[in-house]
Amino acid sequence: MSAFLGSYLKTDPSVPKNDILRGYAVATGSDGYKAVFSLAEMDKSFGNHNDIIAYKLNGADLTGSGFARIVAPDDVKAGRWVSNLSSLYVGHIPYTPGAGGVSNQFSIDGAVTNSISYDVTSLAAALPAQTVTVATPPLTGSSFTGVSLWDLLNLSGILTDAA
C-alpha cells in the first residue's frame, strides 16, 4: 500500500474511520469526457473493483483511441471507460463534524429539482420496498429492507449537464 493511500486509512482521532470513502479521482479524456471514481471502490479492502488503465487491447497497443484508456469492467454500460486518457485528478471531500446523536430524518438537496426531507414513514411510502441480503462481514446473511438509493435520487430530479 502506498504511503498516500495509507494516510487515508490510518487512525486519526479527529477524523472518523474510513477516510478513503471521501476520496475520488476524475479521469479526463483528450475530448473533455470525464468520469469520477471513488478511491474506496478501487481499494482492494473496500470495493475491490479491478479498474485499470489499459495500454493494450487483445495484445496489441491501443492506438486509435490514444495509448491509454480507463477500463472499468464492472460498469454495465462502460460509461466510465475513458478513451484517450489525458489526466487523472485526485481529490478529497473534507470531513466536517456534525452534532452526532440519532437522526430521525435526512434530506436530499444539491443538484436536484426537488429538495426534500424524509423520515421513516415518508421514506417507506416514497417507493416500493426492496430487500437485500448482505454478503460481507460483519453482517453476512443479514437482510435489510428499504428503497433504492438510485430511484430515490431520481425521484428528487437529479440535475445533469446535457453538455
C-alpha atoms as a PDB file:
ATOM      1  CA  MET A   1       0.000   0.000   0.000  1.00  0.00           C
ATOM      2  CA  SER A   2       1.346   3.425  -0.895  1.00  0.00           C
ATOM      3  CA  ALA A   3       2.098   5.979   1.803  1.00  0.00           C
ATOM      4  CA  PHE A   4      -0.534   8.258   0.265  1.00  0.00           C
ATOM      5  CA  LEU A   5      -3.287   5.659   0.397  1.00  0.00           C
ATOM      6  CA  GLY A   6      -2.113   4.589   3.822  1.00  0.00           C
ATOM      7  CA  SER A   7      -2.727   8.120   5.081  1.00  0.00           C
ATOM      8  CA  TYR A   8      -6.412   7.686   4.231  1.00  0.00           C
ATOM      9  CA  LEU A   9      -6.609   4.542   6.334  1.00  0.00           C
ATOM     10  CA  LYS A  10      -4.609   5.438   9.450  1.00  0.00           C
ATOM     11  CA  THR A  11      -6.451   6.248  12.635  1.00  0.00           C
ATOM     12  CA  ASP A  12      -6.766   9.942  13.405  1.00  0.00           C
ATOM     13  CA  PRO A  13      -8.955  10.813  16.406  1.00  0.00           C
ATOM     14  CA  SER A  14     -10.247  13.949  14.652  1.00  0.00           C
ATOM     15  CA  VAL A  15     -11.454  12.043  11.574  1.00  0.00           C
ATOM     16  CA  PRO A  16     -13.885   9.112  11.608  1.00  0.00           C
ATOM     17  CA  LYS A  17     -12.867   5.715  10.258  1.00  0.00           C
ATOM     18  CA  ASN A  18     -12.505   5.013   6.555  1.00  0.00           C
ATOM     19  CA  ASP A  19     -11.474   8.475   5.414  1.00  0.00           C
ATOM     20  CA  ILE A  20     -10.757   6.912   1.995  1.00  0.00           C
ATOM     21  CA  LEU A  21     -14.520   6.935   1.404  1.00  0.00           C
ATOM     22  CA  ARG A  22     -14.255  10.694   0.825  1.00  0.00           C
ATOM     23  CA  GLY A  23     -11.511  10.366  -1.812  1.00  0.00           C
ATOM     24  CA  TYR A  24     -12.110  10.440  -5.562  1.00  0.00           C
ATOM     25  CA  ALA A  25     -10.330  10.503  -8.912  1.00  0.00           C
ATOM     26  CA  VAL A  26     -11.584  12.279 -12.044  1.00  0.00           C
ATOM     27  CA  ALA A  27     -10.392  10.727 -15.309  1.00  0.00           C
ATOM     28  CA  THR A  28     -10.433  13.063 -18.318  1.00  0.00           C
ATOM     29  CA  GLY A  29     -10.052  12.148 -21.975  1.00  0.00           C
ATOM     30  CA  SER A  30      -8.497  14.424 -24.586  1.00  0.00           C
ATOM     31  CA  ASP A  31     -12.020  15.240 -25.864  1.00  0.00           C
ATOM     32  CA  GLY A  32     -13.074  16.515 -22.412  1.00  0.00           C
ATOM     33  CA  TYR A  33     -15.039  13.372 -21.485  1.00  0.00           C
ATOM     34  CA  LYS A  34     -14.864  12.899 -17.692  1.00  0.00           C
ATOM     35  CA  ALA A  35     -15.702  10.117 -15.286  1.00  0.00           C
ATOM     36  CA  VAL A  36     -15.495  10.030 -11.485  1.00  0.00           C
ATOM     37  CA  PHE A  37     -14.209   7.095  -9.443  1.00  0.00           C
ATOM     38  CA  SER A  38     -14.359   6.662  -5.678  1.00  0.00           C
ATOM     39  CA  LEU A  39     -10.938   5.756  -4.284  1.00  0.00           C
ATOM     40  CA  ALA A  40     -12.673   3.286  -1.955  1.00  0.00           C
ATOM     41  CA  GLU A  41     -14.293   1.393  -4.832  1.00  0.00           C
ATOM     42  CA  MET A  42     -10.825   0.693  -6.285  1.00  0.00           C
ATOM     43  CA  ASP A  43      -9.194  -0.201  -2.949  1.00  0.00           C
ATOM     44  CA  LYS A  44      -8.947  -3.972  -2.520  1.00  0.00           C
ATOM     45  CA  SER A  45     -10.106  -3.677   1.121  1.00  0.00           C
ATOM     46  CA  PHE A  46     -13.342  -1.867   0.124  1.00  0.00           C
ATOM     47  CA  GLY A  47     -14.948  -2.116  -3.312  1.00  0.00           C
ATOM     48  CA  ASN A  48     -12.211  -4.222  -4.883  1.00  0.00           C
ATOM     49  CA  HIS A  49     -13.164  -3.159  -8.427  1.00  0.00           C
ATOM     50  CA  ASN A  50     -10.419  -4.109 -10.838  1.00  0.00           C
ATOM     51  CA  ASP A  51     -10.438  -0.858 -12.845  1.00  0.00           C
ATOM     52  CA  ILE A  52      -7.289  -0.497 -14.931  1.00  0.00           C
ATOM     53  CA  ILE A  53      -5.514   1.959 -17.190  1.00  0.00           C
ATOM     54  CA  ALA A  54      -5.137  -0.165 -20.277  1.00  0.00           C
ATOM     55  CA  TYR A  55      -2.420   0.309 -22.883  1.00  0.00           C
ATOM     56  CA  LYS A  56      -3.128  -2.871 -24.869  1.00  0.00           C
ATOM     57  CA  LEU A  57      -6.289  -4.431 -26.321  1.00  0.00           C
ATOM     58  CA  ASN A  58      -6.166  -8.134 -27.253  1.00  0.00           C
ATOM     59  CA  GLY A  59      -2.369  -7.979 -27.029  1.00  0.00           C
ATOM     60  CA  ALA A  60      -1.971  -5.023 -29.416  1.00  0.00           C
ATOM     61  CA  ASP A  61      -1.111  -1.454 -28.486  1.00  0.00           C
ATOM     62  CA  LEU A  62      -4.041   0.948 -28.193  1.00  0.00           C
ATOM     63  CA  THR A  63      -3.572   3.455 -30.989  1.00  0.00           C
ATOM     64  CA  GLY A  64      -6.903   4.612 -32.431  1.00  0.00           C
ATOM     65  CA  SER A  65      -8.179   5.776 -29.038  1.00  0.00           C
ATOM     66  CA  GLY A  66      -4.928   7.035 -27.533  1.00  0.00           C
ATOM     67  CA  PHE A  67      -2.294   4.965 -25.816  1.00  0.00           C
ATOM     68  CA  ALA A  68      -4.197   4.795 -22.501  1.00  0.00           C
ATOM     69  CA  ARG A  69      -7.818   4.056 -21.627  1.00  0.00           C
ATOM     70  CA  ILE A  70      -9.608   3.577 -18.310  1.00  0.00           C
ATOM     71  CA  VAL A  71     -11.390   0.212 -18.298  1.00  0.00           C
ATOM     72  CA  ALA A  72     -13.965  -0.360 -15.546  1.00  0.00           C
ATOM     73  CA  PRO A  73     -15.032  -3.977 -16.157  1.00  0.00           C
ATOM     74  CA  ASP A  74     -17.899  -3.849 -13.624  1.00  0.00           C
ATOM     75  CA  ASP A  75     -19.619  -0.929 -15.392  1.00  0.00           C
ATOM     76  CA  VAL A  76     -22.722  -2.326 -17.083  1.00  0.00           C
ATOM     77  CA  LYS A  77     -22.665   0.217 -19.940  1.00  0.00           C
ATOM     78  CA  ALA A  78     -18.924   1.033 -19.915  1.00  0.00           C
ATOM     79  CA  GLY A  79     -19.828   4.677 -19.256  1.00  0.00           C
ATOM     80  CA  ARG A  80     -16.674   5.344 -17.262  1.00  0.00           C
ATOM     81  CA  TRP A  81     -14.359   3.867 -19.863  1.00  0.00           C
ATOM     82  CA  VAL A  82     -12.369   6.995 -20.690  1.00  0.00           C
ATOM     83  CA  SER A  83     -10.523   6.764 -24.013  1.00  0.00           C
ATOM     84  CA  ASN A  84      -7.545   8.944 -24.884  1.00  0.00           C
ATOM     85  CA  LEU A  85      -6.821   9.439 -21.190  1.00  0.00           C
ATOM     86  CA  SER A  86      -5.166  12.824 -20.730  1.00  0.00           C
ATOM     87  CA  SER A  87      -5.338  13.378 -16.958  1.00  0.00           C
ATOM     88  CA  LEU A  88      -6.264  11.931 -13.584  1.00  0.00           C
ATOM     89  CA  TYR A  89      -7.177  14.401 -10.860  1.00  0.00           C
ATOM     90  CA  VAL A  90      -7.243  13.076  -7.283  1.00  0.00           C
ATOM     91  CA  GLY A  91      -9.362  14.931  -4.718  1.00  0.00           C
ATOM     92  CA  HIS A  92     -10.820  14.570  -1.267  1.00  0.00           C
ATOM     93  CA  ILE A  93     -14.026  15.847   0.322  1.00  0.00           C
ATOM     94  CA  PRO A  94     -13.123  17.254   3.742  1.00  0.00           C
ATOM     95  CA  TYR A  95     -14.647  15.813   6.880  1.00  0.00           C
ATOM     96  CA  THR A  96     -17.000  18.225   8.626  1.00  0.00           C
ATOM     97  CA  PRO A  97     -18.034  17.002  12.076  1.00  0.00           C
ATOM     98  CA  GLY A  98     -21.730  17.038  12.909  1.00  0.00           C
ATOM     99  CA  ALA A  99     -23.523  17.223  16.219  1.00  0.00           C
ATOM    100  CA  GLY A 100     -23.795  13.428  16.431  1.00  0.00           C
ATOM    101  CA  GLY A 101     -26.674  11.604  18.027  1.00  0.00           C
ATOM    102  CA  VAL A 102     -29.503   9.669  16.413  1.00  0.00           C
ATOM    103  CA  SER A 103     -31.112  11.128  13.281  1.00  0.00           C
ATOM    104  CA  ASN A 104     -34.849  10.834  12.702  1.00  0.00           C
ATOM    105  CA  GLN A 105     -34.749  12.270   9.185  1.00  0.00           C
ATOM    106  CA  PHE A 106     -32.423  13.037   6.273  1.00  0.00           C
ATOM    107  CA  SER A 107     -32.614  15.461   3.387  1.00  0.00           C
ATOM    108  CA  ILE A 108     -31.753  15.358  -0.298  1.00  0.00           C
ATOM    109  CA  ASP A 109     -30.508  18.618  -1.742  1.00  0.00           C
ATOM    110  CA  GLY A 110     -27.879  19.956  -4.098  1.00  0.00           C
ATOM    111  CA  ALA A 111     -28.140  19.258  -7.832  1.00  0.00           C
ATOM    112  CA  VAL A 112     -31.789  18.168  -7.709  1.00  0.00           C
ATOM    113  CA  THR A 113     -35.021  19.846  -8.790  1.00  0.00           C
ATOM    114  CA  ASN A 114     -36.850  18.796  -5.617  1.00  0.00           C
ATOM    115  CA  SER A 115     -35.025  19.202  -2.289  1.00  0.00           C
ATOM    116  CA  ILE A 116     -36.879  17.066   0.225  1.00  0.00           C
ATOM    117  CA  SER A 117     -36.593  15.525   3.686  1.00  0.00           C
ATOM    118  CA  TYR A 118     -37.606  12.010   4.639  1.00  0.00           C
ATOM    119  CA  ASP A 119     -38.463  10.312   7.908  1.00  0.00           C
ATOM    120  CA  VAL A 120     -39.172   6.592   8.262  1.00  0.00           C
ATOM    121  CA  THR A 121     -42.852   6.935   7.294  1.00  0.00           C
ATOM    122  CA  SER A 122     -42.349   9.115   4.223  1.00  0.00           C
ATOM    123  CA  LEU A 123     -39.360   7.019   3.086  1.00  0.00           C
ATOM    124  CA  ALA A 124     -41.370   3.791   3.270  1.00  0.00           C
ATOM    125  CA  ALA A 125     -44.196   5.450   1.296  1.00  0.00           C
ATOM    126  CA  ALA A 126     -41.930   7.014  -1.362  1.00  0.00           C
ATOM    127  CA  LEU A 127     -41.092   3.898  -3.384  1.00  0.00           C
ATOM    128  CA  PRO A 128     -41.657   0.137  -3.364  1.00  0.00           C
ATOM    129  CA  ALA A 129     -39.685  -1.704  -0.703  1.00  0.00           C
ATOM    130  CA  GLN A 130     -36.673  -3.787  -1.671  1.00  0.00           C
ATOM    131  CA  THR A 131     -34.879  -6.346   0.461  1.00  0.00           C
ATOM    132  CA  VAL A 132     -31.183  -7.124   0.111  1.00  0.00           C
ATOM    133  CA  THR A 133     -29.148  -9.756   1.884  1.00  0.00           C
ATOM    134  CA  VAL A 134     -25.621  -8.731   2.844  1.00  0.00           C
ATOM    135  CA  ALA A 135     -22.757 -10.932   1.706  1.00  0.00           C
ATOM    136  CA  THR A 136     -19.969  -9.072   3.543  1.00  0.00           C
ATOM    137  CA  PRO A 137     -18.833  -9.167   7.175  1.00  0.00           C
ATOM    138  CA  PRO A 138     -19.705  -8.252   9.823  1.00  0.00           C
ATOM    139  CA  LEU A 139     -23.376  -8.629   8.856  1.00  0.00           C
ATOM    140  CA  THR A 140     -23.119 -11.529   6.388  1.00  0.00           C
ATOM    141  CA  GLY A 141     -26.551 -13.067   5.884  1.00  0.00           C
ATOM    142  CA  SER A 142     -28.462 -10.104   7.364  1.00  0.00           C
ATOM    143  CA  SER A 143     -31.444  -8.797   5.378  1.00  0.00           C
ATOM    144  CA  PHE A 144     -32.189  -5.086   5.054  1.00  0.00           C
ATOM    145  CA  THR A 145     -35.427  -3.628   3.668  1.00  0.00           C
ATOM    146  CA  GLY A 146     -35.608  -0.130   2.202  1.00  0.00           C
ATOM    147  CA  VAL A 147     -35.857   1.792  -1.064  1.00  0.00           C
ATOM    148  CA  SER A 148     -33.420   2.005  -3.957  1.00  0.00           C
ATOM    149  CA  LEU A 149     -30.974   4.878  -3.446  1.00  0.00           C
ATOM    150  CA  TRP A 150     -30.818   5.421  -7.210  1.00  0.00           C
ATOM    151  CA  ASP A 151     -34.622   5.515  -7.535  1.00  0.00           C
ATOM    152  CA  LEU A 152     -34.928   7.912  -4.579  1.00  0.00           C
ATOM    153  CA  LEU A 153     -32.367  10.298  -6.072  1.00  0.00           C
ATOM    154  CA  ASN A 154     -34.172  10.126  -9.420  1.00  0.00           C
ATOM    155  CA  LEU A 155     -37.446  10.918  -7.637  1.00  0.00           C
ATOM    156  CA  SER A 156     -35.774  14.127  -6.448  1.00  0.00           C
ATOM    157  CA  GLY A 157     -34.934  15.025 -10.043  1.00  0.00           C
ATOM    158  CA  ILE A 158     -31.187  14.701 -10.457  1.00  0.00           C
ATOM    159  CA  LEU A 159     -29.892  17.644 -12.494  1.00  0.00           C
ATOM    160  CA  THR A 160     -27.312  16.769 -15.116  1.00  0.00           C
ATOM    161  CA  ASP A 161     -25.296  18.856 -17.528  1.00  0.00           C
ATOM    162  CA  ALA A 162     -26.518  17.981 -21.007  1.00  0.00           C
ATOM    163  CA  ALA A 163     -23.153  19.077 -22.420  1.00  0.00           C
END
